[in-house]
Amino acid sequence: MADTVDDRARDIARIAEQNDAFRCKRPGGGQGEWVYTQAVHAEGQGFVLACVAAVAAYDDFNEDIDPYGTHEMGTMEVMDKKVWWKIDLYDRAYEGGSPNPTSLADTRRVLTILFPSDW
């Protein structure tokens, strides 16, 4: 990972770009998985599809929701319900954190769609 402030800034920008590409391609694109909680599932397929579309279109990143600048989380309203999404970075086997988060070869993403009450 980054050794200098400039390296860290480049890594953050690269991770944000990779998270955006993953999120906007919609489920997976070979770089990971999209999942949603049981409570989101219980709202029905129409709601889940609306959430997927809203996550893919999301662009409301700000310091409150994205303090690290990595575009790893968002919050939105879908069908009058507050919904969160979160991207976590795992190793290739999904057994732990990625050893090299800026490397697409070493990193698998999991995007979770959830209600705040699921947290």
N, C-alpha and C. Protein backbone atom coordinates (compact mmCIF):
# COMPACT_ATOMS: atom_id res chain seq x y z
N MET A 1 0.84 -1.18 0.00
CA MET A 1 0.00 0.00 0.00
C MET A 1 0.89 1.24 0.00
N ALA A 2 0.32 2.38 0.16
CA ALA A 2 0.97 3.67 -0.03
C ALA A 2 2.07 3.94 0.99
N ASP A 3 3.16 4.52 0.49
CA ASP A 3 4.27 4.90 1.36
C ASP A 3 4.29 6.40 1.64
N THR A 4 3.79 7.21 0.72
CA THR A 4 3.80 8.65 0.89
C THR A 4 2.38 9.19 0.79
N VAL A 5 2.23 10.46 1.11
CA VAL A 5 0.92 11.11 1.00
C VAL A 5 0.43 11.06 -0.44
N ASP A 6 1.33 11.31 -1.40
CA ASP A 6 0.95 11.25 -2.81
C ASP A 6 0.53 9.84 -3.21
N ASP A 7 1.26 8.83 -2.73
CA ASP A 7 0.91 7.45 -3.03
C ASP A 7 -0.46 7.11 -2.46
N ARG A 8 -0.70 7.56 -1.24
CA ARG A 8 -1.99 7.28 -0.59
C ARG A 8 -3.12 7.94 -1.37
N ALA A 9 -2.92 9.17 -1.80
CA ALA A 9 -3.95 9.88 -2.59
C ALA A 9 -4.21 9.14 -3.89
N ARG A 10 -3.17 8.65 -4.54
CA ARG A 10 -3.34 7.88 -5.78
C ARG A 10 -4.10 6.58 -5.51
N ASP A 11 -3.76 5.91 -4.40
CA ASP A 11 -4.45 4.66 -4.05
C ASP A 11 -5.92 4.91 -3.77
N ILE A 12 -6.24 5.98 -3.05
CA ILE A 12 -7.63 6.32 -2.75
C ILE A 12 -8.39 6.58 -4.05
N ALA A 13 -7.78 7.36 -4.94
CA ALA A 13 -8.43 7.65 -6.23
C ALA A 13 -8.63 6.38 -7.04
N ARG A 14 -7.66 5.49 -7.03
CA ARG A 14 -7.76 4.23 -7.78
C ARG A 14 -8.87 3.35 -7.20
N ILE A 15 -8.93 3.25 -5.88
CA ILE A 15 -9.98 2.44 -5.25
C ILE A 15 -11.35 3.03 -5.54
N ALA A 16 -11.49 4.34 -5.46
CA ALA A 16 -12.77 4.99 -5.77
C ALA A 16 -13.18 4.70 -7.22
N GLU A 17 -12.23 4.80 -8.14
CA GLU A 17 -12.51 4.52 -9.56
C GLU A 17 -12.94 3.06 -9.74
N GLN A 18 -12.24 2.14 -9.08
CA GLN A 18 -12.58 0.72 -9.18
C GLN A 18 -13.94 0.43 -8.54
N ASN A 19 -14.22 1.05 -7.38
CA ASN A 19 -15.52 0.87 -6.75
C ASN A 19 -16.64 1.39 -7.64
N ASP A 20 -16.42 2.56 -8.25
CA ASP A 20 -17.44 3.11 -9.16
C ASP A 20 -17.67 2.19 -10.35
N ALA A 21 -16.60 1.68 -10.94
CA ALA A 21 -16.75 0.78 -12.09
C ALA A 21 -17.51 -0.48 -11.69
N PHE A 22 -17.17 -1.04 -10.54
CA PHE A 22 -17.86 -2.24 -10.05
C PHE A 22 -19.34 -1.95 -9.81
N ARG A 23 -19.61 -0.85 -9.14
CA ARG A 23 -20.98 -0.48 -8.78
C ARG A 23 -21.83 -0.17 -10.01
N CYS A 24 -21.26 0.48 -10.99
CA CYS A 24 -22.03 0.91 -12.16
C CYS A 24 -22.23 -0.19 -13.20
N LYS A 25 -21.42 -1.24 -13.16
CA LYS A 25 -21.60 -2.36 -14.09
C LYS A 25 -22.78 -3.23 -13.69
N ARG A 26 -23.20 -3.12 -12.49
CA ARG A 26 -24.25 -3.90 -11.86
C ARG A 26 -23.88 -5.36 -11.80
N PRO A 27 -24.61 -6.05 -11.00
CA PRO A 27 -24.09 -7.20 -10.29
C PRO A 27 -22.85 -7.88 -10.86
N GLY A 28 -21.77 -7.57 -10.14
CA GLY A 28 -20.55 -8.31 -10.29
C GLY A 28 -19.56 -7.85 -11.32
N GLY A 29 -19.80 -8.15 -12.56
CA GLY A 29 -18.84 -7.85 -13.60
C GLY A 29 -17.55 -8.65 -13.44
N GLY A 30 -17.60 -9.78 -12.72
CA GLY A 30 -16.42 -10.62 -12.55
C GLY A 30 -15.49 -10.18 -11.44
N GLN A 31 -15.74 -9.04 -10.81
CA GLN A 31 -14.85 -8.55 -9.77
C GLN A 31 -15.42 -8.74 -8.37
N GLY A 32 -16.56 -9.41 -8.27
CA GLY A 32 -17.13 -9.61 -6.95
C GLY A 32 -18.60 -9.97 -7.02
N GLU A 33 -19.28 -9.70 -5.93
CA GLU A 33 -20.68 -10.09 -5.80
C GLU A 33 -21.51 -8.94 -5.22
N TRP A 34 -22.78 -8.94 -5.58
CA TRP A 34 -23.76 -8.06 -4.95
C TRP A 34 -24.64 -8.94 -4.09
N VAL A 35 -24.93 -8.47 -2.88
CA VAL A 35 -25.82 -9.19 -1.98
C VAL A 35 -26.76 -8.17 -1.34
N TYR A 36 -27.83 -8.66 -0.76
CA TYR A 36 -28.73 -7.79 -0.02
C TYR A 36 -29.27 -8.56 1.16
N THR A 37 -29.67 -7.82 2.16
CA THR A 37 -30.12 -8.45 3.39
C THR A 37 -31.49 -9.09 3.22
N GLN A 38 -31.83 -9.94 4.16
CA GLN A 38 -33.13 -10.60 4.15
C GLN A 38 -34.26 -9.57 4.22
N ALA A 39 -34.05 -8.50 4.97
CA ALA A 39 -35.09 -7.46 5.08
C ALA A 39 -35.31 -6.77 3.73
N VAL A 40 -34.26 -6.51 2.99
CA VAL A 40 -34.40 -5.93 1.65
C VAL A 40 -35.11 -6.93 0.75
N HIS A 41 -34.71 -8.19 0.79
CA HIS A 41 -35.35 -9.24 0.00
C HIS A 41 -36.85 -9.33 0.28
N ALA A 42 -37.22 -9.17 1.54
CA ALA A 42 -38.62 -9.29 1.94
C ALA A 42 -39.50 -8.21 1.31
N GLU A 43 -38.90 -7.13 0.82
CA GLU A 43 -39.67 -6.07 0.17
C GLU A 43 -40.11 -6.44 -1.25
N GLY A 44 -39.56 -7.52 -1.79
CA GLY A 44 -39.98 -8.01 -3.09
C GLY A 44 -39.02 -7.67 -4.21
N GLN A 45 -39.18 -8.39 -5.32
CA GLN A 45 -38.26 -8.26 -6.45
C GLN A 45 -38.25 -6.86 -7.04
N GLY A 46 -39.41 -6.22 -7.13
CA GLY A 46 -39.46 -4.86 -7.66
C GLY A 46 -38.63 -3.89 -6.84
N PHE A 47 -38.70 -4.04 -5.53
CA PHE A 47 -37.91 -3.18 -4.64
C PHE A 47 -36.42 -3.46 -4.81
N VAL A 48 -36.05 -4.74 -4.84
CA VAL A 48 -34.64 -5.10 -5.01
C VAL A 48 -34.10 -4.53 -6.32
N LEU A 49 -34.84 -4.68 -7.41
CA LEU A 49 -34.40 -4.15 -8.71
C LEU A 49 -34.28 -2.63 -8.68
N ALA A 50 -35.20 -1.97 -7.98
CA ALA A 50 -35.11 -0.52 -7.85
C ALA A 50 -33.87 -0.12 -7.05
N CYS A 51 -33.54 -0.89 -6.04
CA CYS A 51 -32.31 -0.64 -5.26
C CYS A 51 -31.07 -0.81 -6.13
N VAL A 52 -31.02 -1.88 -6.91
CA VAL A 52 -29.87 -2.14 -7.78
C VAL A 52 -29.69 -0.97 -8.75
N ALA A 53 -30.78 -0.52 -9.35
CA ALA A 53 -30.70 0.61 -10.29
C ALA A 53 -30.24 1.88 -9.57
N ALA A 54 -30.75 2.12 -8.37
CA ALA A 54 -30.37 3.32 -7.61
C ALA A 54 -28.89 3.28 -7.20
N VAL A 55 -28.40 2.12 -6.82
CA VAL A 55 -26.99 1.99 -6.45
C VAL A 55 -26.12 2.26 -7.67
N ALA A 56 -26.48 1.69 -8.80
CA ALA A 56 -25.68 1.89 -10.02
C ALA A 56 -25.66 3.35 -10.45
N ALA A 57 -26.73 4.08 -10.18
CA ALA A 57 -26.82 5.49 -10.59
C ALA A 57 -26.32 6.46 -9.53
N TYR A 58 -25.98 5.97 -8.37
CA TYR A 58 -25.63 6.82 -7.22
C TYR A 58 -24.43 7.72 -7.52
N ASP A 59 -24.55 8.99 -7.15
CA ASP A 59 -23.42 9.92 -7.32
C ASP A 59 -23.41 11.01 -6.26
N ASP A 60 -24.02 10.74 -5.12
CA ASP A 60 -24.14 11.74 -4.06
C ASP A 60 -23.06 11.57 -2.99
N PHE A 61 -21.82 11.42 -3.42
CA PHE A 61 -20.73 11.24 -2.47
C PHE A 61 -20.38 12.58 -1.83
N ASN A 62 -20.24 12.56 -0.52
CA ASN A 62 -19.84 13.75 0.22
C ASN A 62 -19.02 13.30 1.42
N GLU A 63 -18.45 14.25 2.12
CA GLU A 63 -17.56 13.92 3.23
C GLU A 63 -18.26 13.18 4.36
N ASP A 64 -19.57 13.42 4.54
CA ASP A 64 -20.29 12.73 5.61
C ASP A 64 -20.44 11.24 5.31
N ILE A 65 -20.79 10.90 4.09
CA ILE A 65 -21.04 9.50 3.74
C ILE A 65 -19.78 8.81 3.21
N ASP A 66 -18.83 9.59 2.71
CA ASP A 66 -17.63 9.03 2.09
C ASP A 66 -16.38 9.74 2.63
N PRO A 67 -16.12 9.62 3.93
CA PRO A 67 -15.02 10.40 4.54
C PRO A 67 -13.64 10.03 4.01
N TYR A 68 -13.46 8.84 3.48
CA TYR A 68 -12.15 8.42 2.99
C TYR A 68 -11.98 8.65 1.49
N GLY A 69 -13.07 9.00 0.81
CA GLY A 69 -13.01 9.29 -0.62
C GLY A 69 -12.94 8.07 -1.51
N THR A 70 -13.26 6.90 -0.98
CA THR A 70 -13.14 5.66 -1.75
C THR A 70 -14.43 5.21 -2.43
N HIS A 71 -15.49 5.99 -2.26
CA HIS A 71 -16.79 5.65 -2.88
C HIS A 71 -17.24 4.25 -2.49
N GLU A 72 -17.13 3.94 -1.20
CA GLU A 72 -17.47 2.61 -0.72
C GLU A 72 -18.83 2.51 -0.05
N MET A 73 -19.52 3.64 0.11
CA MET A 73 -20.81 3.60 0.79
C MET A 73 -21.70 4.71 0.27
N GLY A 74 -23.01 4.43 0.30
CA GLY A 74 -23.98 5.45 -0.06
C GLY A 74 -25.27 5.24 0.68
N THR A 75 -26.06 6.28 0.73
CA THR A 75 -27.38 6.22 1.35
C THR A 75 -28.36 6.92 0.43
N MET A 76 -29.57 6.38 0.32
CA MET A 76 -30.55 6.91 -0.63
C MET A 76 -31.95 6.51 -0.21
N GLU A 77 -32.92 7.09 -0.88
CA GLU A 77 -34.32 6.72 -0.69
C GLU A 77 -34.75 5.89 -1.90
N VAL A 78 -35.36 4.74 -1.62
CA VAL A 78 -35.92 3.89 -2.67
C VAL A 78 -37.34 3.55 -2.24
N MET A 79 -38.30 3.94 -3.07
CA MET A 79 -39.71 3.69 -2.77
C MET A 79 -40.05 4.13 -1.34
N ASP A 80 -39.60 5.34 -1.00
CA ASP A 80 -39.86 5.96 0.29
C ASP A 80 -39.24 5.24 1.48
N LYS A 81 -38.22 4.44 1.23
CA LYS A 81 -37.50 3.75 2.31
C LYS A 81 -36.02 4.14 2.23
N LYS A 82 -35.44 4.40 3.38
CA LYS A 82 -34.01 4.71 3.44
C LYS A 82 -33.22 3.42 3.25
N VAL A 83 -32.29 3.46 2.30
CA VAL A 83 -31.49 2.29 1.96
C VAL A 83 -30.01 2.69 1.97
N TRP A 84 -29.17 1.80 2.47
CA TRP A 84 -27.74 1.98 2.42
C TRP A 84 -27.15 0.94 1.49
N TRP A 85 -25.98 1.24 0.97
CA TRP A 85 -25.17 0.23 0.29
C TRP A 85 -23.73 0.41 0.74
N LYS A 86 -22.97 -0.68 0.72
CA LYS A 86 -21.59 -0.67 1.21
C LYS A 86 -20.78 -1.65 0.40
N ILE A 87 -19.58 -1.23 -0.02
CA ILE A 87 -18.65 -2.12 -0.72
C ILE A 87 -17.51 -2.47 0.24
N ASP A 88 -17.25 -3.77 0.38
CA ASP A 88 -16.11 -4.25 1.16
C ASP A 88 -15.14 -4.94 0.22
N LEU A 89 -13.85 -4.82 0.53
CA LEU A 89 -12.79 -5.37 -0.31
C LEU A 89 -12.18 -6.60 0.36
N TYR A 90 -12.25 -7.72 -0.35
CA TYR A 90 -11.78 -9.00 0.17
C TYR A 90 -10.63 -9.55 -0.67
N ASP A 91 -9.96 -10.55 -0.11
CA ASP A 91 -8.97 -11.28 -0.91
C ASP A 91 -9.72 -12.15 -1.93
N ARG A 92 -8.99 -12.80 -2.81
CA ARG A 92 -9.61 -13.57 -3.90
C ARG A 92 -10.52 -14.70 -3.40
N ALA A 93 -10.24 -15.23 -2.23
CA ALA A 93 -11.02 -16.34 -1.68
C ALA A 93 -12.15 -15.87 -0.76
N TYR A 94 -12.31 -14.56 -0.61
CA TYR A 94 -13.33 -13.99 0.28
C TYR A 94 -13.14 -14.46 1.72
N GLU A 95 -11.89 -14.63 2.13
CA GLU A 95 -11.61 -15.10 3.49
C GLU A 95 -11.15 -13.99 4.41
N GLY A 96 -10.75 -12.87 3.86
CA GLY A 96 -10.26 -11.76 4.67
C GLY A 96 -10.11 -10.53 3.80
N GLY A 97 -9.57 -9.49 4.39
CA GLY A 97 -9.36 -8.26 3.65
C GLY A 97 -8.37 -8.44 2.51
N SER A 98 -8.50 -7.61 1.49
CA SER A 98 -7.59 -7.68 0.35
C SER A 98 -6.18 -7.32 0.77
N PRO A 99 -5.19 -8.10 0.33
CA PRO A 99 -3.81 -7.77 0.65
C PRO A 99 -3.30 -6.58 -0.16
N ASN A 100 -3.98 -6.26 -1.24
CA ASN A 100 -3.57 -5.17 -2.12
C ASN A 100 -4.84 -4.55 -2.72
N PRO A 101 -5.52 -3.68 -1.97
CA PRO A 101 -6.82 -3.17 -2.39
C PRO A 101 -6.85 -2.45 -3.74
N THR A 102 -5.71 -1.98 -4.22
CA THR A 102 -5.71 -1.29 -5.52
C THR A 102 -5.57 -2.26 -6.69
N SER A 103 -5.32 -3.53 -6.42
CA SER A 103 -5.11 -4.52 -7.47
C SER A 103 -6.40 -5.28 -7.77
N LEU A 104 -6.87 -5.18 -8.99
CA LEU A 104 -8.05 -5.96 -9.39
C LEU A 104 -7.77 -7.45 -9.36
N ALA A 105 -6.53 -7.85 -9.57
CA ALA A 105 -6.17 -9.26 -9.54
C ALA A 105 -6.22 -9.84 -8.13
N ASP A 106 -5.98 -9.00 -7.12
CA ASP A 106 -5.91 -9.47 -5.73
C ASP A 106 -7.17 -9.19 -4.93
N THR A 107 -8.11 -8.47 -5.50
CA THR A 107 -9.24 -7.96 -4.73
C THR A 107 -10.57 -8.41 -5.32
N ARG A 108 -11.47 -8.84 -4.45
CA ARG A 108 -12.85 -9.11 -4.81
C ARG A 108 -13.73 -8.19 -3.98
N ARG A 109 -14.73 -7.64 -4.62
CA ARG A 109 -15.63 -6.71 -3.96
C ARG A 109 -16.94 -7.40 -3.62
N VAL A 110 -17.51 -7.00 -2.48
CA VAL A 110 -18.85 -7.41 -2.11
C VAL A 110 -19.63 -6.14 -1.83
N LEU A 111 -20.68 -5.93 -2.61
CA LEU A 111 -21.56 -4.78 -2.41
C LEU A 111 -22.81 -5.29 -1.73
N THR A 112 -23.10 -4.75 -0.55
CA THR A 112 -24.26 -5.14 0.23
C THR A 112 -25.29 -4.02 0.22
N ILE A 113 -26.52 -4.36 -0.09
CA ILE A 113 -27.64 -3.41 0.00
C ILE A 113 -28.41 -3.76 1.27
N LEU A 114 -28.66 -2.74 2.10
CA LEU A 114 -29.27 -2.99 3.40
C LEU A 114 -30.08 -1.79 3.87
N PHE A 115 -30.91 -2.04 4.85
CA PHE A 115 -31.60 -0.96 5.56
C PHE A 115 -30.72 -0.53 6.74
N PRO A 116 -30.81 0.72 7.17
CA PRO A 116 -30.05 1.13 8.35
C PRO A 116 -30.29 0.21 9.55
N SER A 117 -31.52 -0.29 9.69
CA SER A 117 -31.84 -1.19 10.82
C SER A 117 -31.13 -2.54 10.72
N ASP A 118 -30.63 -2.89 9.52
CA ASP A 118 -29.88 -4.13 9.35
C ASP A 118 -28.46 -4.03 9.89
N TRP A 119 -27.98 -2.81 10.05
CA TRP A 119 -26.61 -2.58 10.49
C TRP A 119 -26.49 -2.99 11.92
